[in-house]
PDB file of N, CA and C in Angstrom:
ATOM      1  N   MET A   1      -1.692 -14.399  17.396  1.00  0.00           N
ATOM      2  CA  MET A   1      -1.791 -14.143  16.098  1.00  0.00           C
ATOM      3  C   MET A   1      -0.718 -14.443  15.375  1.00  0.00           C
ATOM      4  N   PRO A   2      -0.926 -15.484  14.193  1.00  0.00           N
ATOM      5  CA  PRO A   2      -0.099 -15.778  13.354  1.00  0.00           C
ATOM      6  C   PRO A   2       0.794 -14.827  12.594  1.00  0.00           C
ATOM      7  N   ASP A   3       2.371 -15.113  12.396  1.00  0.00           N
ATOM      8  CA  ASP A   3       2.945 -14.061  11.863  1.00  0.00           C
ATOM      9  C   ASP A   3       2.521 -13.388  10.521  1.00  0.00           C
ATOM     10  N   ALA A   4       1.853 -14.372   9.559  1.00  0.00           N
ATOM     11  CA  ALA A   4       1.371 -13.670   8.390  1.00  0.00           C
ATOM     12  C   ALA A   4       0.260 -12.686   8.752  1.00  0.00           C
ATOM     13  N   TYR A   5      -0.490 -13.235   9.548  1.00  0.00           N
ATOM     14  CA  TYR A   5      -1.793 -12.122   9.872  1.00  0.00           C
ATOM     15  C   TYR A   5      -1.161 -10.754  10.566  1.00  0.00           C
ATOM     16  N   LYS A   6      -0.151 -10.901  11.652  1.00  0.00           N
ATOM     17  CA  LYS A   6       0.400  -9.518  11.888  1.00  0.00           C
ATOM     18  C   LYS A   6       1.071  -8.891  10.889  1.00  0.00           C
ATOM     19  N   THR A   7       1.821  -9.552   9.999  1.00  0.00           N
ATOM     20  CA  THR A   7       2.524  -8.992   8.790  1.00  0.00           C
ATOM     21  C   THR A   7       1.249  -8.391   7.968  1.00  0.00           C
ATOM     22  N   GLY A   8       0.238  -9.062   7.534  1.00  0.00           N
ATOM     23  CA  GLY A   8      -0.967  -8.381   6.840  1.00  0.00           C
ATOM     24  C   GLY A   8      -1.468  -7.018   7.279  1.00  0.00           C
ATOM     25  N   ALA A   9      -1.516  -7.088   8.592  1.00  0.00           N
ATOM     26  CA  ALA A   9      -2.075  -5.956   9.567  1.00  0.00           C
ATOM     27  C   ALA A   9      -1.186  -4.761   9.323  1.00  0.00           C
ATOM     28  N   LEU A  10       0.169  -5.191   9.635  1.00  0.00           N
ATOM     29  CA  LEU A  10       1.133  -4.047   9.416  1.00  0.00           C
ATOM     30  C   LEU A  10       1.190  -3.501   8.133  1.00  0.00           C
ATOM     31  N   LEU A  11       1.032  -4.247   7.244  1.00  0.00           N
ATOM     32  CA  LEU A  11       1.199  -3.786   5.756  1.00  0.00           C
ATOM     33  C   LEU A  11      -0.016  -3.003   5.172  1.00  0.00           C
ATOM     34  N   LEU A  12      -1.088  -3.376   5.736  1.00  0.00           N
ATOM     35  CA  LEU A  12      -2.265  -2.436   5.611  1.00  0.00           C
ATOM     36  C   LEU A  12      -1.945  -1.239   5.926  1.00  0.00           C
ATOM     37  N   ALA A  13      -1.571  -1.075   7.382  1.00  0.00           N
ATOM     38  CA  ALA A  13      -1.555   0.364   7.999  1.00  0.00           C
ATOM     39  C   ALA A  13      -0.568   1.062   7.190  1.00  0.00           C
ATOM     40  N   SER A  14       0.554   0.416   6.938  1.00  0.00           N
ATOM     41  CA  SER A  14       1.767   1.144   6.220  1.00  0.00           C
ATOM     42  C   SER A  14       1.410   1.506   4.928  1.00  0.00           C
ATOM     43  N   ASN A  15       0.619   0.859   4.271  1.00  0.00           N
ATOM     44  CA  ASN A  15       0.318   1.601   2.939  1.00  0.00           C
ATOM     45  C   ASN A  15      -0.834   2.496   3.048  1.00  0.00           C
ATOM     46  N   VAL A  16      -1.527   2.714   4.231  1.00  0.00           N
ATOM     47  CA  VAL A  16      -2.185   3.885   4.235  1.00  0.00           C
ATOM     48  C   VAL A  16      -1.427   5.070   4.408  1.00  0.00           C
ATOM     49  N   PHE A  17      -0.501   5.106   5.274  1.00  0.00           N
ATOM     50  CA  PHE A  17       0.504   5.994   5.294  1.00  0.00           C
ATOM     51  C   PHE A  17       1.162   6.265   3.885  1.00  0.00           C
ATOM     52  N   MET A  18       1.679   5.351   3.296  1.00  0.00           N
ATOM     53  CA  MET A  18       2.315   5.700   1.978  1.00  0.00           C
ATOM     54  C   MET A  18       1.453   6.049   0.848  1.00  0.00           C
ATOM     55  N   THR A  19       0.223   5.396   0.878  1.00  0.00           N
ATOM     56  CA  THR A  19      -0.595   5.912  -0.251  1.00  0.00           C
ATOM     57  C   THR A  19      -0.761   7.602   0.108  1.00  0.00           C
ATOM     58  N   THR A  20      -1.029   7.827   1.298  1.00  0.00           N
ATOM     59  CA  THR A  20      -1.259   9.398   1.797  1.00  0.00           C
ATOM     60  C   THR A  20      -0.084   9.953   1.195  1.00  0.00           C
ATOM     61  N   ALA A  21       1.130   9.596   1.534  1.00  0.00           N
ATOM     62  CA  ALA A  21       2.251  10.309   1.122  1.00  0.00           C
ATOM     63  C   ALA A  21       2.333  10.584  -0.328  1.00  0.00           C
ATOM     64  N   TRP A  22       2.174   9.531  -1.020  1.00  0.00           N
ATOM     65  CA  TRP A  22       2.323   9.472  -2.494  1.00  0.00           C
ATOM     66  C   TRP A  22       1.188  10.443  -3.263  1.00  0.00           C
ATOM     67  N   TYR A  23      -0.233  10.287  -2.941  1.00  0.00           N
ATOM     68  CA  TYR A  23      -1.001  10.633  -3.706  1.00  0.00           C
ATOM     69  C   TYR A  23      -2.135  11.700  -2.871  1.00  0.00           C
ATOM     70  N   GLY A  24      -2.016  12.144  -1.684  1.00  0.00           N
ATOM     71  CA  GLY A  24      -2.542  12.924  -0.788  1.00  0.00           C
ATOM     72  C   GLY A  24      -2.441  14.286  -1.428  1.00  0.00           C
ATOM     73  N   HIS A  25      -0.973  14.488  -1.483  1.00  0.00           N
ATOM     74  CA  HIS A  25      -0.810  16.136  -2.166  1.00  0.00           C
ATOM     75  C   HIS A  25      -1.701  16.458  -3.413  1.00  0.00           C
ATOM     76  N   LEU A  26      -2.221  15.465  -4.222  1.00  0.00           N
ATOM     77  CA  LEU A  26      -2.638  15.814  -5.376  1.00  0.00           C
ATOM     78  C   LEU A  26      -4.000  16.613  -5.050  1.00  0.00           C
ATOM     79  N   ARG A  27      -4.448  16.856  -3.728  1.00  0.00           N
ATOM     80  CA  ARG A  27      -5.608  17.513  -3.561  1.00  0.00           C
ATOM     81  C   ARG A  27      -5.047  18.860  -2.916  1.00  0.00           C
ATOM     82  N   LEU A  28      -3.809  19.025  -2.647  1.00  0.00           N
ATOM     83  CA  LEU A  28      -3.045  20.123  -2.267  1.00  0.00           C
ATOM     84  C   LEU A  28      -2.404  21.039  -3.397  1.00  0.00           C
ATOM     85  N   LYS A  29      -3.123  21.340  -4.610  1.00  0.00           N
ATOM     86  CA  LYS A  29      -2.148  21.897  -5.639  1.00  0.00           C
ATOM     87  C   LYS A  29      -1.877  23.240  -5.497  1.00  0.00           C
ATOM     88  N   GLN A  30      -2.279  23.764  -4.483  1.00  0.00           N
ATOM     89  CA  GLN A  30      -1.894  25.341  -3.871  1.00  0.00           C
ATOM     90  C   GLN A  30      -0.824  25.575  -3.236  1.00  0.00           C
ATOM     91  N   LEU A  31      -0.266  24.264  -2.688  1.00  0.00           N
ATOM     92  CA  LEU A  31       1.268  24.263  -2.128  1.00  0.00           C
ATOM     93  C   LEU A  31       2.269  24.210  -2.978  1.00  0.00           C
ATOM     94  N   PRO A  32       3.271  25.082  -2.677  1.00  0.00           N
ATOM     95  CA  PRO A  32       4.499  24.707  -3.309  1.00  0.00           C
ATOM     96  C   PRO A  32       5.072  23.240  -3.256  1.00  0.00           C
ATOM     97  N   LEU A  33       5.827  22.794  -4.468  1.00  0.00           N
ATOM     98  CA  LEU A  33       6.240  21.407  -4.479  1.00  0.00           C
ATOM     99  C   LEU A  33       7.141  21.180  -3.357  1.00  0.00           C
ATOM    100  N   TRP A  34       7.789  22.030  -2.892  1.00  0.00           N
ATOM    101  CA  TRP A  34       8.825  21.578  -2.094  1.00  0.00           C
ATOM    102  C   TRP A  34       8.235  21.287  -0.678  1.00  0.00           C
ATOM    103  N   GLN A  35       7.072  21.856  -0.615  1.00  0.00           N
ATOM    104  CA  GLN A  35       6.448  21.822   0.819  1.00  0.00           C
ATOM    105  C   GLN A  35       5.753  20.340   0.629  1.00  0.00           C
ATOM    106  N   VAL A  36       5.045  19.972  -0.491  1.00  0.00           N
ATOM    107  CA  VAL A  36       4.495  18.506  -0.364  1.00  0.00           C
ATOM    108  C   VAL A  36       5.544  17.452  -0.352  1.00  0.00           C
ATOM    109  N   ILE A  37       6.784  17.826  -0.880  1.00  0.00           N
ATOM    110  CA  ILE A  37       7.785  16.827  -0.721  1.00  0.00           C
ATOM    111  C   ILE A  37       8.453  16.645   0.774  1.00  0.00           C
ATOM    112  N   VAL A  38       8.514  17.475   1.269  1.00  0.00           N
ATOM    113  CA  VAL A  38       8.756  17.297   2.848  1.00  0.00           C
ATOM    114  C   VAL A  38       7.498  16.933   3.726  1.00  0.00           C
ATOM    115  N   GLY A  39       6.332  17.361   3.388  1.00  0.00           N
ATOM    116  CA  GLY A  39       5.267  16.582   4.172  1.00  0.00           C
ATOM    117  C   GLY A  39       5.121  15.137   3.670  1.00  0.00           C
ATOM    118  N   SER A  40       5.436  14.721   2.282  1.00  0.00           N
ATOM    119  CA  SER A  40       5.187  13.484   1.888  1.00  0.00           C
ATOM    120  C   SER A  40       6.451  12.560   2.800  1.00  0.00           C
ATOM    121  N   TRP A  41       7.566  13.211   2.758  1.00  0.00           N
ATOM    122  CA  TRP A  41       8.601  12.530   3.485  1.00  0.00           C
ATOM    123  C   TRP A  41       8.463  12.351   4.939  1.00  0.00           C
ATOM    124  N   LEU A  42       7.725  13.086   5.618  1.00  0.00           N
ATOM    125  CA  LEU A  42       7.095  13.078   7.046  1.00  0.00           C
ATOM    126  C   LEU A  42       6.121  12.010   7.092  1.00  0.00           C
ATOM    127  N   ILE A  43       5.384  11.871   6.363  1.00  0.00           N
ATOM    128  CA  ILE A  43       4.327  10.783   6.333  1.00  0.00           C
ATOM    129  C   ILE A  43       5.065   9.530   6.001  1.00  0.00           C
ATOM    130  N   ALA A  44       5.818   9.550   5.034  1.00  0.00           N
ATOM    131  CA  ALA A  44       6.584   8.245   4.694  1.00  0.00           C
ATOM    132  C   ALA A  44       7.229   7.739   5.738  1.00  0.00           C
ATOM    133  N   PHE A  45       7.764   8.580   6.804  1.00  0.00           N
ATOM    134  CA  PHE A  45       8.500   7.939   7.918  1.00  0.00           C
ATOM    135  C   PHE A  45       7.612   7.025   8.811  1.00  0.00           C
ATOM    136  N   PHE A  46       6.660   7.447   8.955  1.00  0.00           N
ATOM    137  CA  PHE A  46       5.757   6.336   9.649  1.00  0.00           C
ATOM    138  C   PHE A  46       5.453   4.953   8.996  1.00  0.00           C
ATOM    139  N   GLU A  47       5.385   5.485   7.747  1.00  0.00           N
ATOM    140  CA  GLU A  47       5.235   4.045   6.722  1.00  0.00           C
ATOM    141  C   GLU A  47       6.287   3.000   6.937  1.00  0.00           C
ATOM    142  N   TYR A  48       7.585   3.506   7.121  1.00  0.00           N
ATOM    143  CA  TYR A  48       8.619   2.775   7.251  1.00  0.00           C
ATOM    144  C   TYR A  48       8.901   2.284   8.614  1.00  0.00           C
ATOM    145  N   CYS A  49       8.227   2.921   9.696  1.00  0.00           N
ATOM    146  CA  CYS A  49       8.002   2.477  11.079  1.00  0.00           C
ATOM    147  C   CYS A  49       7.186   1.071  10.911  1.00  0.00           C
ATOM    148  N   LEU A  50       6.455   0.997  10.121  1.00  0.00           N
ATOM    149  CA  LEU A  50       5.490  -0.183  10.084  1.00  0.00           C
ATOM    150  C   LEU A  50       5.755  -1.191   8.998  1.00  0.00           C
ATOM    151  N   MET A  51       6.423  -0.672   7.891  1.00  0.00           N
ATOM    152  CA  MET A  51       6.667  -1.697   6.921  1.00  0.00           C
ATOM    153  C   MET A  51       7.949  -2.456   7.269  1.00  0.00           C
ATOM    154  N   VAL A  52       9.083  -1.904   7.892  1.00  0.00           N
ATOM    155  CA  VAL A  52      10.200  -2.781   7.947  1.00  0.00           C
ATOM    156  C   VAL A  52       9.944  -3.781   8.945  1.00  0.00           C
ATOM    157  N   PRO A  53       9.210  -3.519  10.198  1.00  0.00           N
ATOM    158  CA  PRO A  53       8.764  -4.605  10.966  1.00  0.00           C
ATOM    159  C   PRO A  53       7.711  -5.634  10.452  1.00  0.00           C
ATOM    160  N   ALA A  54       7.086  -4.944   9.637  1.00  0.00           N
ATOM    161  CA  ALA A  54       6.101  -6.250   8.784  1.00  0.00           C
ATOM    162  C   ALA A  54       6.948  -7.190   8.037  1.00  0.00           C
ATOM    163  N   ASN A  55       8.020  -6.727   7.212  1.00  0.00           N
ATOM    164  CA  ASN A  55       8.841  -7.735   6.713  1.00  0.00           C
ATOM    165  C   ASN A  55       9.665  -8.451   7.445  1.00  0.00           C
ATOM    166  N   ARG A  56      10.116  -7.939   8.632  1.00  0.00           N
ATOM    167  CA  ARG A  56      11.026  -8.782   9.484  1.00  0.00           C
ATOM    168  C   ARG A  56      10.116  -9.961   9.885  1.00  0.00           C
ATOM    169  N   ILE A  57       9.092  -9.517  10.488  1.00  0.00           N
ATOM    170  CA  ILE A  57       8.122 -10.662  11.200  1.00  0.00           C
ATOM    171  C   ILE A  57       7.336 -11.574   9.980  1.00  0.00           C
ATOM    172  N   GLY A  58       7.220 -10.833   8.804  1.00  0.00           N
ATOM    173  CA  GLY A  58       6.538 -11.958   7.822  1.00  0.00           C
ATOM    174  C   GLY A  58       7.714 -12.806   7.375  1.00  0.00           C
ATOM    175  N   HIS A  59       8.802 -12.568   7.292  1.00  0.00           N
ATOM    176  CA  HIS A  59       9.815 -13.325   6.554  1.00  0.00           C
ATOM    177  C   HIS A  59      10.339 -14.422   7.420  1.00  0.00           C
ATOM    178  N   ASN A  60       9.535 -14.547   8.852  1.00  0.00           N
ATOM    179  CA  ASN A  60       9.707 -15.835   9.897  1.00  0.00           C
ATOM    180  C   ASN A  60       8.744 -17.176   8.957  1.00  0.00           C
ATOM    181  N   SER A  61       7.933 -16.720   8.169  1.00  0.00           N
ATOM    182  CA  SER A  61       7.210 -17.726   7.850  1.00  0.00           C
ATOM    183  C   SER A  61       6.591 -17.639   6.135  1.00  0.00           C
ATOM    184  N   LEU A  62       7.114 -16.484   5.640  1.00  0.00           N
ATOM    185  CA  LEU A  62       6.819 -16.252   4.201  1.00  0.00           C
ATOM    186  C   LEU A  62       8.459 -15.890   3.573  1.00  0.00           C
ATOM    187  N   THR A  63       8.255 -16.089   2.229  1.00  0.00           N
ATOM    188  CA  THR A  63       9.412 -15.710   1.571  1.00  0.00           C
ATOM    189  C   THR A  63       9.617 -14.568   1.081  1.00  0.00           C
ATOM    190  N   ALA A  64      10.601 -13.905   0.645  1.00  0.00           N
ATOM    191  CA  ALA A  64      10.660 -12.600   0.225  1.00  0.00           C
ATOM    192  C   ALA A  64       9.944 -12.139  -0.897  1.00  0.00           C
ATOM    193  N   TYR A  65       9.656 -13.026  -1.907  1.00  0.00           N
ATOM    194  CA  TYR A  65       8.682 -13.158  -2.900  1.00  0.00           C
ATOM    195  C   TYR A  65       7.318 -12.681  -2.445  1.00  0.00           C
ATOM    196  N   GLN A  66       6.804 -13.961  -1.546  1.00  0.00           N
ATOM    197  CA  GLN A  66       5.412 -13.839  -1.049  1.00  0.00           C
ATOM    198  C   GLN A  66       5.355 -12.634  -0.257  1.00  0.00           C
ATOM    199  N   LEU A  67       6.150 -11.977   0.352  1.00  0.00           N
ATOM    200  CA  LEU A  67       5.800 -10.721   1.084  1.00  0.00           C
ATOM    201  C   LEU A  67       5.716  -9.337   0.091  1.00  0.00           C
ATOM    202  N   LYS A  68       6.455  -9.579  -0.942  1.00  0.00           N
ATOM    203  CA  LYS A  68       6.319  -8.607  -1.919  1.00  0.00           C
ATOM    204  C   LYS A  68       5.064  -8.573  -2.717  1.00  0.00           C
ATOM    205  N   VAL A  69       4.533  -9.758  -2.996  1.00  0.00           N
ATOM    206  CA  VAL A  69       3.173 -10.032  -3.829  1.00  0.00           C
ATOM    207  C   VAL A  69       2.290  -9.548  -2.683  1.00  0.00           C
ATOM    208  N   MET A  70       2.231  -9.880  -1.378  1.00  0.00           N
ATOM    209  CA  MET A  70       1.276  -9.461  -0.633  1.00  0.00           C
ATOM    210  C   MET A  70       1.222  -8.016  -0.225  1.00  0.00           C
ATOM    211  N   GLN A  71       2.145  -7.341  -0.434  1.00  0.00           N
ATOM    212  CA  GLN A  71       2.160  -5.920  -0.166  1.00  0.00           C
ATOM    213  C   GLN A  71       1.782  -5.134  -1.293  1.00  0.00           C
ATOM    214  N   GLU A  72       1.897  -5.587  -2.696  1.00  0.00           N
ATOM    215  CA  GLU A  72       1.496  -5.205  -3.852  1.00  0.00           C
ATOM    216  C   GLU A  72      -0.077  -5.255  -3.884  1.00  0.00           C
ATOM    217  N   ALA A  73      -0.622  -6.304  -3.393  1.00  0.00           N
ATOM    218  CA  ALA A  73      -2.133  -6.483  -3.406  1.00  0.00           C
ATOM    219  C   ALA A  73      -2.879  -5.621  -2.332  1.00  0.00           C
ATOM    220  N   ILE A  74      -2.099  -5.422  -1.161  1.00  0.00           N
ATOM    221  CA  ILE A  74      -2.572  -4.712  -0.184  1.00  0.00           C
ATOM    222  C   ILE A  74      -2.552  -3.250  -0.659  1.00  0.00           C
ATOM    223  N   THR A  75      -1.659  -2.899  -1.381  1.00  0.00           N
ATOM    224  CA  THR A  75      -1.339  -1.512  -1.809  1.00  0.00           C
ATOM    225  C   THR A  75      -2.529  -1.173  -2.842  1.00  0.00           C
ATOM    226  N   LEU A  76      -2.965  -2.304  -3.628  1.00  0.00           N
ATOM    227  CA  LEU A  76      -3.892  -1.878  -4.648  1.00  0.00           C
ATOM    228  C   LEU A  76      -5.077  -1.749  -3.956  1.00  0.00           C
ATOM    229  N   VAL A  77      -5.599  -2.651  -2.853  1.00  0.00           N
ATOM    230  CA  VAL A  77      -6.850  -2.444  -1.821  1.00  0.00           C
ATOM    231  C   VAL A  77      -6.848  -0.893  -1.400  1.00  0.00           C
ATOM    232  N   VAL A  78      -5.686  -0.525  -0.718  1.00  0.00           N
ATOM    233  CA  VAL A  78      -5.540   0.700  -0.142  1.00  0.00           C
ATOM    234  C   VAL A  78      -5.845   1.794  -0.961  1.00  0.00           C
ATOM    235  N   PHE A  79      -5.083   1.526  -2.330  1.00  0.00           N
ATOM    236  CA  PHE A  79      -5.218   2.575  -3.396  1.00  0.00           C
ATOM    237  C   PHE A  79      -6.656   3.066  -3.961  1.00  0.00           C
ATOM    238  N   VAL A  80      -7.371   1.982  -4.280  1.00  0.00           N
ATOM    239  CA  VAL A  80      -8.734   1.968  -4.685  1.00  0.00           C
ATOM    240  C   VAL A  80      -9.650   2.887  -3.794  1.00  0.00           C
ATOM    241  N   GLY A  81      -9.478   2.321  -2.459  1.00  0.00           N
ATOM    242  CA  GLY A  81     -10.203   3.069  -1.313  1.00  0.00           C
ATOM    243  C   GLY A  81      -9.887   4.515  -1.434  1.00  0.00           C
ATOM    244  N   PHE A  82      -8.413   4.899  -1.584  1.00  0.00           N
ATOM    245  CA  PHE A  82      -8.229   6.350  -1.338  1.00  0.00           C
ATOM    246  C   PHE A  82      -8.632   7.003  -2.604  1.00  0.00           C
ATOM    247  N   ALA A  83      -8.362   6.339  -3.802  1.00  0.00           N
ATOM    248  CA  ALA A  83      -8.861   7.189  -5.128  1.00  0.00           C
ATOM    249  C   ALA A  83     -10.186   7.466  -5.003  1.00  0.00           C
ATOM    250  N   VAL A  84     -10.972   6.594  -4.659  1.00  0.00           N
ATOM    251  CA  VAL A  84     -12.330   6.733  -4.676  1.00  0.00           C
ATOM    252  C   VAL A  84     -12.764   7.732  -3.502  1.00  0.00           C
ATOM    253  N   LEU A  85     -12.466   7.447  -2.289  1.00  0.00           N
ATOM    254  CA  LEU A  85     -12.921   8.444  -0.970  1.00  0.00           C
ATOM    255  C   LEU A  85     -12.125   9.687  -1.006  1.00  0.00           C
ATOM    256  N   VAL A  86     -10.789   9.751  -1.228  1.00  0.00           N
ATOM    257  CA  VAL A  86     -10.296  11.139  -1.001  1.00  0.00           C
ATOM    258  C   VAL A  86     -10.057  11.694  -2.204  1.00  0.00           C
ATOM    259  N   LEU A  87      -9.737  11.217  -3.455  1.00  0.00           N
ATOM    260  CA  LEU A  87      -9.663  11.932  -4.843  1.00  0.00           C
ATOM    261  C   LEU A  87     -10.689  12.075  -5.551  1.00  0.00           C
ATOM    262  N   GLY A  88     -11.800  11.258  -5.277  1.00  0.00           N
ATOM    263  CA  GLY A  88     -13.016  11.382  -5.994  1.00  0.00           C
ATOM    264  C   GLY A  88     -13.123  10.799  -7.351  1.00  0.00           C
ATOM    265  N   GLU A  89     -12.152   9.841  -7.661  1.00  0.00           N
ATOM    266  CA  GLU A  89     -11.949   9.087  -9.048  1.00  0.00           C
ATOM    267  C   GLU A  89     -12.908   7.899  -9.184  1.00  0.00           C
ATOM    268  N   THR A  90     -13.342   7.519 -10.144  1.00  0.00           N
ATOM    269  CA  THR A  90     -14.341   6.469 -10.172  1.00  0.00           C
ATOM    270  C   THR A  90     -13.346   5.316 -10.707  1.00  0.00           C
ATOM    271  N   LEU A  91     -13.847   4.065 -10.222  1.00  0.00           N
ATOM    272  CA  LEU A  91     -13.221   2.754 -10.606  1.00  0.00           C
ATOM    273  C   LEU A  91     -13.777   2.141 -11.587  1.00  0.00           C
ATOM    274  N   GLN A  92     -13.083   2.189 -12.739  1.00  0.00           N
ATOM    275  CA  GLN A  92     -13.541   1.722 -14.177  1.00  0.00           C
ATOM    276  C   GLN A  92     -13.346   0.287 -14.431  1.00  0.00           C
ATOM    277  N   PRO A  93     -14.160  -0.526 -15.388  1.00  0.00           N
ATOM    278  CA  PRO A  93     -13.896  -1.967 -15.354  1.00  0.00           C
ATOM    279  C   PRO A  93     -12.575  -2.225 -15.756  1.00  0.00           C
ATOM    280  N   LYS A  94     -11.753  -1.468 -16.525  1.00  0.00           N
ATOM    281  CA  LYS A  94     -10.562  -1.990 -17.005  1.00  0.00           C
ATOM    282  C   LYS A  94      -9.499  -1.954 -15.802  1.00  0.00           C
ATOM    283  N   TYR A  95      -9.676  -1.159 -14.844  1.00  0.00           N
ATOM    284  CA  TYR A  95      -8.945  -1.264 -13.564  1.00  0.00           C
ATOM    285  C   TYR A  95      -9.494  -2.472 -12.779  1.00  0.00           C
ATOM    286  N   LEU A  96     -10.680  -2.820 -12.583  1.00  0.00           N
ATOM    287  CA  LEU A  96     -11.012  -3.792 -12.126  1.00  0.00           C
ATOM    288  C   LEU A  96     -10.361  -5.132 -12.573  1.00  0.00           C
ATOM    289  N   VAL A  97     -10.254  -5.157 -13.806  1.00  0.00           N
ATOM    290  CA  VAL A  97      -9.585  -6.251 -14.588  1.00  0.00           C
ATOM    291  C   VAL A  97      -8.112  -6.417 -14.357  1.00  0.00           C
ATOM    292  N   SER A  98      -7.687  -5.121 -14.579  1.00  0.00           N
ATOM    293  CA  SER A  98      -6.195  -5.250 -14.380  1.00  0.00           C
ATOM    294  C   SER A  98      -5.612  -5.699 -12.597  1.00  0.00           C
ATOM    295  N   PHE A  99      -6.638  -5.176 -11.859  1.00  0.00           N
ATOM    296  CA  PHE A  99      -6.191  -5.572 -10.480  1.00  0.00           C
ATOM    297  C   PHE A  99      -6.616  -6.985 -10.138  1.00  0.00           C
ATOM    298  N   GLY A 100      -7.513  -7.684 -10.951  1.00  0.00           N
ATOM    299  CA  GLY A 100      -7.981  -8.981 -10.671  1.00  0.00           C
ATOM    300  C   GLY A 100      -6.703  -9.873 -11.183  1.00  0.00           C
ATOM    301  N   LEU A 101      -6.205  -9.443 -12.002  1.00  0.00           N
ATOM    302  CA  LEU A 101      -4.998 -10.156 -12.783  1.00  0.00           C
ATOM    303  C   LEU A 101      -3.725 -10.023 -11.606  1.00  0.00           C
ATOM    304  N   ILE A 102      -3.427  -8.954 -11.052  1.00  0.00           N
ATOM    305  CA  ILE A 102      -2.517  -8.733  -9.928  1.00  0.00           C
ATOM    306  C   ILE A 102      -2.907  -9.726  -8.787  1.00  0.00           C
ATOM    307  N   PHE A 103      -4.345  -9.874  -8.431  1.00  0.00           N
ATOM    308  CA  PHE A 103      -4.644 -10.616  -7.246  1.00  0.00           C
ATOM    309  C   PHE A 103      -4.540 -12.288  -8.093  1.00  0.00           C
ATOM    310  N   ALA A 104      -4.606 -12.446  -9.264  1.00  0.00           N
ATOM    311  CA  ALA A 104      -4.234 -13.803  -9.559  1.00  0.00           C
ATOM    312  C   ALA A 104      -2.867 -14.235  -9.355  1.00  0.00           C
ATOM    313  N   ALA A 105      -1.847 -13.416  -9.580  1.00  0.00           N
ATOM    314  CA  ALA A 105      -0.496 -13.344  -9.175  1.00  0.00           C
ATOM    315  C   ALA A 105      -0.279 -13.941  -7.760  1.00  0.00           C
ATOM    316  N   VAL A 106      -1.031 -13.173  -6.594  1.00  0.00           N
ATOM    317  CA  VAL A 106      -1.132 -13.371  -5.436  1.00  0.00           C
ATOM    318  C   VAL A 106      -1.551 -15.115  -5.241  1.00  0.00           C
ATOM    319  N   VAL A 107      -2.641 -15.376  -5.933  1.00  0.00           N
ATOM    320  CA  VAL A 107      -2.854 -16.936  -5.538  1.00  0.00           C
ATOM    321  C   VAL A 107      -1.630 -17.742  -6.115  1.00  0.00           C
ATOM    322  N   VAL A 108      -1.154 -17.153  -7.187  1.00  0.00           N
ATOM    323  CA  VAL A 108      -0.105 -18.119  -7.607  1.00  0.00           C
ATOM    324  C   VAL A 108       1.179 -18.367  -6.717  1.00  0.00           C
ATOM    325  N   ALA A 109       1.489 -17.053  -6.195  1.00  0.00           N
ATOM    326  CA  ALA A 109       2.780 -16.991  -5.370  1.00  0.00           C
ATOM    327  C   ALA A 109       2.531 -17.650  -4.134  1.00  0.00           C
ATOM    328  N   PHE A 110       1.212 -17.837  -3.584  1.00  0.00           N
ATOM    329  CA  PHE A 110       1.033 -18.420  -2.415  1.00  0.00           C
ATOM    330  C   PHE A 110       0.434 -19.936  -2.746  1.00  0.00           C
ATOM    331  N   ARG A 111       0.659 -20.729  -3.815  1.00  0.00           N
ATOM    332  CA  ARG A 111       0.427 -21.832  -4.092  1.00  0.00           C
ATOM    333  C   ARG A 111       1.617 -22.795  -3.912  1.00  0.00           C
TER     334      ARG A 111
END
């Protein structure tokens, strides 16, 4: 498997953890803030365990700029799924347009 694909897979998995750490607590409003902070940090640990190797592997064939743009695009894909499936939010056309512009940036970065 080429490095770029390994990197993409690791970034996808790491973003699932990070999105859960950053936004999962929004469903747990009954918990004190300190508990959700600690819980988020524990979840984020696993994100780092995937993100750091992703960047190390990816930098063999991609620039740091390309890695960052790829990571942001993956973050949006994961976030949309999370917002719709976990938080029950709707995806509005204005968000689709804004995400489309970010994905256009990915195309530019990889050309």
